[in-house]
Amino acid sequence: MVIGSILHGAYGDYYEQAVCLKHFRLTHPHVRLKLFAASPHRLAELQVLDFGWADCFELWTEIDKHEINSFFQFQVRDPELHAEVLSKLSPEVLGKLDLQNNRLPWIYLRSILPLLSEYQLGLSDIGQRRLPDMMQASGIGPHVFNGPTIGFLWRYRSAGGAIKPVLQSDAARLVAKYSRVFQRLIDAYRCHVLICGMKSPRTPENMHRIDAKYPEYGLDLPIESSTHLKGLSWALELEILSRCTVCVVNPSGFSEALWIKRNASVLLVDPAPHYLAKALWHRMPLFNLQQPKSLLSAVASRSEQATFNAIKTEFDRMLLPAANCAFETLQNPTP
């Protein structure tokens, strides 16, 4: 049995669909799985991820060259997918898609989260080779991860997007708030803050990668204690932030992928009310928003002090095992 699937949407959509499809493939060993990308830019960018679990990962224009019995397709009713891909497929190929079943990735994700390590998306050989060079190009020193780190993902909603910015806090106030909160944490923990999604001018090279979502302003933090990533690679910046001691995020496809990769160890702050409403209505299994404690924390994060307290609590939780290990070493030195 040969199954096909077309990855489409934003980078976060590609990631969530790929996670589901990897789980499907590895739990159905008799099935061959052929993947295709709706966008050539997304396909090129995601070569840093390991898709070796699939028989191929090619542009959708190559579908006619493959023998495929049927498709395991996510969000088949997506208008963009129809306009850019489905409307251009041959009747024979189109007949292999179930156009009535609008399969949603978060419904599949409900049954497999938290994700076992074998179903996580790792880096390809290309990604592993590129990661050190990209870290250097981003100004991340070799010793940054020797101490405590905070990974922060900024995303500010604008009008016209899938998430309405109604009642969203003012961007300038949020920048000032996060700058003060992270400065307090730097003073308390001597940590380094890695900031993704800010201070990245749009260029012809990165325009399809950052999708005009990255503002040219950033946080007001000391340069020796912070690094603004440069938007050089969606997937590799995801990998970098996943290695931080604590991750703090505004809601986005990137932050959802980060939550999946870190198996829930991500703090959601200042979500737009519309995002929360959609997440609760669809029972999306992300950020544990179905749990009252997590939902209350996300809502309370509008308060600067609540944001600081939540990050500090997570920092203490993450650093406690290391502190206990160091204490035991002092108590029981090796002969």
Protein backbone atom coordinates (compact mmCIF):
# COMPACT_ATOMS: atom_id res chain seq x y z
CA MET A 1 0.00 0.00 0.00
CA VAL A 2 1.44 3.36 -1.04
CA ILE A 3 -0.01 6.44 0.70
CA GLY A 4 0.62 10.02 -0.35
CA SER A 5 0.24 13.27 1.60
CA ILE A 6 0.73 16.94 0.67
CA LEU A 7 2.18 19.15 3.40
CA HIS A 8 0.86 22.70 3.17
CA GLY A 9 0.22 25.92 5.06
CA ALA A 10 2.67 27.83 7.23
CA TYR A 11 5.82 26.26 8.65
CA GLY A 12 4.01 25.30 11.85
CA ASP A 13 1.35 23.52 9.79
CA TYR A 14 4.02 21.57 7.92
CA TYR A 15 5.62 20.59 11.22
CA GLU A 16 2.41 19.41 12.89
CA GLN A 17 1.32 17.47 9.79
CA ALA A 18 4.76 15.87 9.53
CA VAL A 19 4.72 14.79 13.18
CA CYS A 20 1.34 13.10 12.67
CA LEU A 21 2.48 11.45 9.44
CA LYS A 22 5.70 10.15 10.99
CA HIS A 23 3.66 8.55 13.78
CA PHE A 24 1.26 7.09 11.21
CA ARG A 25 4.12 5.70 9.10
CA LEU A 26 6.02 4.13 12.02
CA THR A 27 2.88 2.56 13.47
CA HIS A 28 1.88 1.15 10.06
CA PRO A 29 5.07 -0.58 8.89
CA HIS A 30 3.32 -2.22 5.93
CA VAL A 31 2.55 1.22 4.44
CA ARG A 32 4.86 3.17 2.15
CA LEU A 33 4.48 6.92 2.60
CA LYS A 34 5.30 9.53 -0.04
CA LEU A 35 5.31 13.18 1.01
CA PHE A 36 4.95 16.27 -1.15
CA ALA A 37 5.23 19.97 -0.37
CA ALA A 38 2.79 22.59 -1.63
CA SER A 39 5.49 25.29 -1.58
CA PRO A 40 8.99 25.11 -3.10
CA HIS A 41 10.24 27.57 -0.46
CA ARG A 42 8.95 25.44 2.43
CA LEU A 43 10.41 22.32 0.81
CA ALA A 44 13.85 23.91 0.53
CA GLU A 45 13.79 25.28 4.10
CA LEU A 46 12.73 21.97 5.65
CA GLN A 47 15.58 19.97 4.14
CA VAL A 48 17.32 20.49 7.50
CA LEU A 49 14.76 18.12 9.07
CA ASP A 50 15.04 14.35 8.77
CA PHE A 51 12.35 12.96 6.49
CA GLY A 52 14.11 9.62 6.07
CA TRP A 53 11.09 7.87 7.57
CA ALA A 54 9.17 8.68 4.37
CA ASP A 55 9.85 7.20 0.93
CA CYS A 56 10.26 10.67 -0.54
CA PHE A 57 9.69 14.36 0.16
CA GLU A 58 9.31 16.28 -3.09
CA LEU A 59 7.40 19.18 -4.60
CA TRP A 60 3.75 18.46 -5.42
CA THR A 61 4.48 18.80 -9.15
CA GLU A 62 6.23 15.41 -8.92
CA ILE A 63 3.10 13.54 -7.80
CA ASP A 64 2.27 12.26 -11.29
CA LYS A 65 5.62 10.45 -11.41
CA HIS A 66 4.71 8.23 -8.45
CA GLU A 67 2.45 5.24 -8.01
CA ILE A 68 0.08 6.15 -5.17
CA ASN A 69 -2.96 4.19 -4.04
CA SER A 70 -4.58 6.87 -1.88
CA PHE A 71 -3.86 9.98 0.16
CA PHE A 72 -3.78 10.53 3.91
CA GLN A 73 -4.45 14.25 3.65
CA PHE A 74 -4.73 16.93 6.31
CA GLN A 75 -6.99 19.98 5.92
CA VAL A 76 -8.09 19.06 2.42
CA ARG A 77 -10.63 21.90 2.36
CA ASP A 78 -8.01 24.60 2.87
CA PRO A 79 -8.64 27.29 0.19
CA GLU A 80 -4.94 27.90 -0.41
CA LEU A 81 -4.29 24.20 -0.92
CA HIS A 82 -7.13 24.07 -3.44
CA ALA A 83 -5.95 27.14 -5.33
CA GLU A 84 -2.25 26.28 -5.45
CA VAL A 85 -2.27 22.47 -5.70
CA LEU A 86 -5.53 20.54 -5.89
CA SER A 87 -6.98 22.59 -8.74
CA LYS A 88 -3.93 21.69 -10.81
CA LEU A 89 -3.88 17.94 -10.19
CA SER A 90 -5.02 15.49 -12.83
CA PRO A 91 -8.50 13.97 -12.37
CA GLU A 92 -6.87 10.58 -11.78
CA VAL A 93 -4.76 11.86 -8.86
CA LEU A 94 -7.59 14.00 -7.48
CA GLY A 95 -9.82 10.94 -7.38
CA LYS A 96 -7.44 9.37 -4.84
CA LEU A 97 -8.09 12.15 -2.31
CA ASP A 98 -11.02 12.05 0.08
CA LEU A 99 -12.34 15.58 -0.39
CA GLN A 100 -15.14 15.08 2.15
CA ASN A 101 -12.97 14.21 5.17
CA ASN A 102 -11.29 17.41 6.38
CA ARG A 103 -8.77 15.63 8.61
CA LEU A 104 -7.35 18.03 11.26
CA PRO A 105 -3.85 17.55 12.70
CA TRP A 106 -4.76 18.57 16.25
CA ILE A 107 -7.34 15.79 16.43
CA TYR A 108 -4.63 13.28 15.52
CA LEU A 109 -2.21 14.97 17.95
CA ARG A 110 -4.62 14.48 20.87
CA SER A 111 -3.95 10.74 20.79
CA ILE A 112 -0.14 10.88 20.55
CA LEU A 113 0.93 13.76 22.84
CA PRO A 114 3.19 13.91 24.74
CA LEU A 115 5.27 12.61 21.87
CA LEU A 116 7.62 9.67 22.34
CA SER A 117 11.18 10.38 21.23
CA GLU A 118 10.98 8.05 18.22
CA TYR A 119 8.18 10.16 16.74
CA GLN A 120 9.93 13.50 17.13
CA LEU A 121 11.30 15.24 14.04
CA GLY A 122 15.08 15.34 14.24
CA LEU A 123 17.67 17.07 12.11
CA SER A 124 18.87 15.62 8.83
CA ASP A 125 22.58 15.31 8.03
CA ILE A 126 22.27 18.65 6.26
CA GLY A 127 20.67 20.19 9.33
CA GLN A 128 23.34 18.85 11.68
CA ARG A 129 26.06 20.27 9.46
CA ARG A 130 24.35 23.65 9.11
CA LEU A 131 23.44 24.15 12.77
CA PRO A 132 26.91 25.17 14.10
CA ASP A 133 27.43 27.59 11.20
CA MET A 134 24.00 29.12 11.71
CA MET A 135 24.58 29.53 15.45
CA GLN A 136 27.83 31.31 14.71
CA ALA A 137 26.17 33.53 12.08
CA SER A 138 23.45 34.37 14.61
CA GLY A 139 26.02 35.47 17.18
CA ILE A 140 25.45 32.57 19.56
CA GLY A 141 28.73 31.90 21.33
CA PRO A 142 29.98 28.36 22.00
CA HIS A 143 29.43 28.68 25.76
CA VAL A 144 25.91 30.12 25.80
CA PHE A 145 24.31 26.82 26.76
CA ASN A 146 26.80 26.18 29.55
CA GLY A 147 24.63 28.39 31.76
CA PRO A 148 20.89 29.01 32.19
CA THR A 149 19.10 30.29 29.08
CA ILE A 150 15.70 31.64 28.15
CA GLY A 151 14.29 31.12 24.67
CA PHE A 152 11.71 33.75 23.75
CA LEU A 153 9.44 33.71 20.69
CA TRP A 154 7.79 37.01 19.78
CA ARG A 155 4.72 37.02 17.58
CA TYR A 156 2.36 39.97 17.31
CA ARG A 157 -0.94 39.54 15.51
CA SER A 158 -1.93 41.98 12.79
CA ALA A 159 -5.29 42.54 11.14
CA GLY A 160 -6.23 40.17 8.34
CA GLY A 161 -4.65 37.04 9.80
CA ALA A 162 -6.26 33.82 10.97
CA ILE A 163 -6.13 35.10 14.56
CA LYS A 164 -7.92 38.41 15.12
CA PRO A 165 -5.93 40.95 17.18
CA VAL A 166 -9.00 42.16 19.10
CA LEU A 167 -8.07 43.11 22.71
CA GLN A 168 -4.41 42.34 22.01
CA SER A 169 -2.07 44.43 24.15
CA ASP A 170 -0.18 47.28 22.51
CA ALA A 171 3.07 46.11 20.88
CA ALA A 172 5.23 48.87 22.40
CA ARG A 173 3.91 48.09 25.87
CA LEU A 174 4.62 44.39 25.40
CA VAL A 175 8.18 45.10 24.25
CA ALA A 176 8.78 47.26 27.32
CA LYS A 177 7.18 44.67 29.58
CA TYR A 178 9.26 41.75 28.26
CA SER A 179 12.42 43.87 28.40
CA ARG A 180 11.82 44.59 32.11
CA VAL A 181 10.85 40.99 32.94
CA PHE A 182 13.86 39.44 31.20
CA GLN A 183 16.22 42.04 32.72
CA ARG A 184 15.01 41.00 36.19
CA LEU A 185 15.64 37.36 35.30
CA ILE A 186 19.10 38.17 33.94
CA ASP A 187 19.90 39.91 37.22
CA ALA A 188 18.52 36.99 39.27
CA TYR A 189 19.92 34.04 37.32
CA ARG A 190 22.72 35.52 35.18
CA CYS A 191 21.02 33.87 32.25
CA HIS A 192 21.26 34.53 28.52
CA VAL A 193 18.11 35.34 26.53
CA LEU A 194 17.74 34.08 22.95
CA ILE A 195 15.07 36.08 21.13
CA CYS A 196 13.38 34.73 18.02
CA GLY A 197 10.98 36.63 15.77
CA MET A 198 12.29 40.16 16.27
CA LYS A 199 14.89 42.58 14.93
CA SER A 200 15.19 40.90 11.54
CA PRO A 201 14.95 43.19 8.49
CA ARG A 202 13.09 41.66 5.56
CA THR A 203 15.34 40.83 2.60
CA PRO A 204 14.86 38.99 -0.72
CA GLU A 205 16.72 36.04 0.85
CA ASN A 206 14.48 35.66 3.91
CA MET A 207 11.13 37.08 2.75
CA HIS A 208 9.51 33.66 2.26
CA ARG A 209 10.94 32.40 5.54
CA ILE A 210 9.87 35.13 7.93
CA ASP A 211 6.64 35.95 6.05
CA ALA A 212 6.82 39.63 7.07
CA LYS A 213 6.10 38.58 10.68
CA TYR A 214 9.41 39.74 12.17
CA PRO A 215 9.56 43.43 13.18
CA GLU A 216 12.79 45.40 12.91
CA TYR A 217 12.61 46.43 16.58
CA GLY A 218 13.73 44.16 19.42
CA LEU A 219 13.94 43.93 23.20
CA ASP A 220 15.97 46.41 25.24
CA LEU A 221 18.42 44.04 26.90
CA PRO A 222 22.20 44.15 27.42
CA ILE A 223 24.00 42.77 24.39
CA GLU A 224 26.24 40.57 26.54
CA SER A 225 23.18 38.80 28.00
CA SER A 226 20.93 38.52 24.95
CA THR A 227 20.96 37.49 21.30
CA HIS A 228 18.36 38.33 18.68
CA LEU A 229 18.28 35.43 16.21
CA LYS A 230 18.34 36.55 12.59
CA GLY A 231 15.63 34.45 10.98
CA LEU A 232 18.17 32.36 9.08
CA SER A 233 16.25 29.08 9.35
CA TRP A 234 12.79 28.32 10.79
CA ALA A 235 13.63 24.72 11.72
CA LEU A 236 17.14 25.37 13.02
CA GLU A 237 15.96 28.26 15.19
CA LEU A 238 13.32 25.87 16.53
CA GLU A 239 16.14 23.45 17.37
CA ILE A 240 18.13 26.20 19.10
CA LEU A 241 15.24 27.40 21.26
CA SER A 242 14.33 23.81 22.16
CA ARG A 243 17.71 23.55 23.94
CA CYS A 244 17.06 26.50 26.27
CA THR A 245 16.47 26.03 29.99
CA VAL A 246 13.11 27.80 29.81
CA CYS A 247 11.02 28.73 26.77
CA VAL A 248 8.56 31.64 26.78
CA VAL A 249 6.35 32.19 23.75
CA ASN A 250 3.58 34.17 22.18
CA PRO A 251 1.19 31.82 20.34
CA SER A 252 2.13 30.90 16.77
CA GLY A 253 2.85 27.88 14.61
CA PHE A 254 6.48 28.09 15.73
CA SER A 255 5.58 28.07 19.42
CA GLU A 256 3.16 25.16 18.89
CA ALA A 257 5.97 23.19 17.21
CA LEU A 258 8.29 24.12 20.08
CA TRP A 259 5.71 22.91 22.60
CA ILE A 260 5.47 19.57 20.75
CA LYS A 261 9.26 19.25 20.55
CA ARG A 262 9.80 20.02 24.24
CA ASN A 263 6.83 17.89 25.32
CA ALA A 264 4.90 20.72 26.97
CA SER A 265 7.78 22.51 28.72
CA VAL A 266 6.88 25.90 27.21
CA LEU A 267 5.23 28.94 28.83
CA LEU A 268 2.53 30.70 26.81
CA VAL A 269 2.25 34.44 27.48
CA ASP A 270 -0.11 37.18 26.29
CA PRO A 271 -2.20 35.08 23.90
CA ALA A 272 -4.78 37.03 21.91
CA PRO A 273 -8.28 36.24 23.24
CA HIS A 274 -9.25 34.97 19.78
CA TYR A 275 -6.41 32.42 19.91
CA LEU A 276 -7.60 31.14 23.28
CA ALA A 277 -11.19 30.95 22.06
CA LYS A 278 -10.22 28.91 18.99
CA ALA A 279 -7.93 26.63 20.99
CA LEU A 280 -10.66 25.89 23.53
CA TRP A 281 -13.41 25.50 20.93
CA HIS A 282 -11.40 23.00 18.88
CA ARG A 283 -9.99 21.30 22.00
CA MET A 284 -6.51 21.75 20.63
CA PRO A 285 -4.07 19.68 22.74
CA LEU A 286 -1.44 22.42 22.88
CA PHE A 287 -0.11 24.40 25.86
CA ASN A 288 -2.37 22.29 28.13
CA LEU A 289 -5.06 24.95 27.75
CA GLN A 290 -7.77 22.41 28.58
CA GLN A 291 -6.34 22.35 32.11
CA PRO A 292 -7.63 25.22 34.29
CA LYS A 293 -4.19 25.94 35.80
CA SER A 294 -2.52 26.39 32.41
CA LEU A 295 -5.41 28.44 31.04
CA LEU A 296 -5.36 30.71 34.11
CA SER A 297 -1.60 31.17 33.78
CA ALA A 298 -1.95 32.19 30.12
CA VAL A 299 -4.70 34.70 30.91
CA ALA A 300 -2.86 36.06 33.97
CA SER A 301 0.30 36.65 31.92
CA ARG A 302 -1.16 40.02 30.88
CA SER A 303 0.15 41.10 34.28
CA GLU A 304 3.90 41.82 34.28
CA GLN A 305 4.38 40.42 37.76
CA ALA A 306 2.44 37.25 36.90
CA THR A 307 4.64 36.76 33.83
CA PHE A 308 7.79 37.17 35.93
CA ASN A 309 6.51 34.79 38.62
CA ALA A 310 5.58 32.10 36.09
CA ILE A 311 8.99 32.22 34.39
CA LYS A 312 10.81 32.26 37.74
CA THR A 313 8.83 29.23 38.93
CA GLU A 314 9.70 27.36 35.72
CA PHE A 315 13.34 28.39 36.04
CA ASP A 316 13.52 27.07 39.59
CA ARG A 317 11.85 23.83 38.54
CA MET A 318 14.27 23.29 35.66
CA LEU A 319 17.40 24.25 37.64
CA LEU A 320 16.55 22.26 40.78
CA PRO A 321 17.74 18.85 39.44
CA ALA A 322 21.10 20.37 38.46
CA ALA A 323 21.42 22.03 41.86
CA ASN A 324 20.59 18.76 43.65
CA CYS A 325 23.15 16.92 41.52
CA ALA A 326 25.83 19.47 42.38
CA PHE A 327 24.92 19.25 46.08
CA GLU A 328 25.17 15.44 46.03
CA THR A 329 28.56 15.68 44.33
CA LEU A 330 29.82 17.98 47.11
CA GLN A 331 28.39 15.68 49.77
CA ASN A 332 29.81 12.52 48.16
CA PRO A 333 33.00 13.44 46.30
CA THR A 334 34.53 10.83 44.05
CA PRO A 335 37.52 9.18 45.80
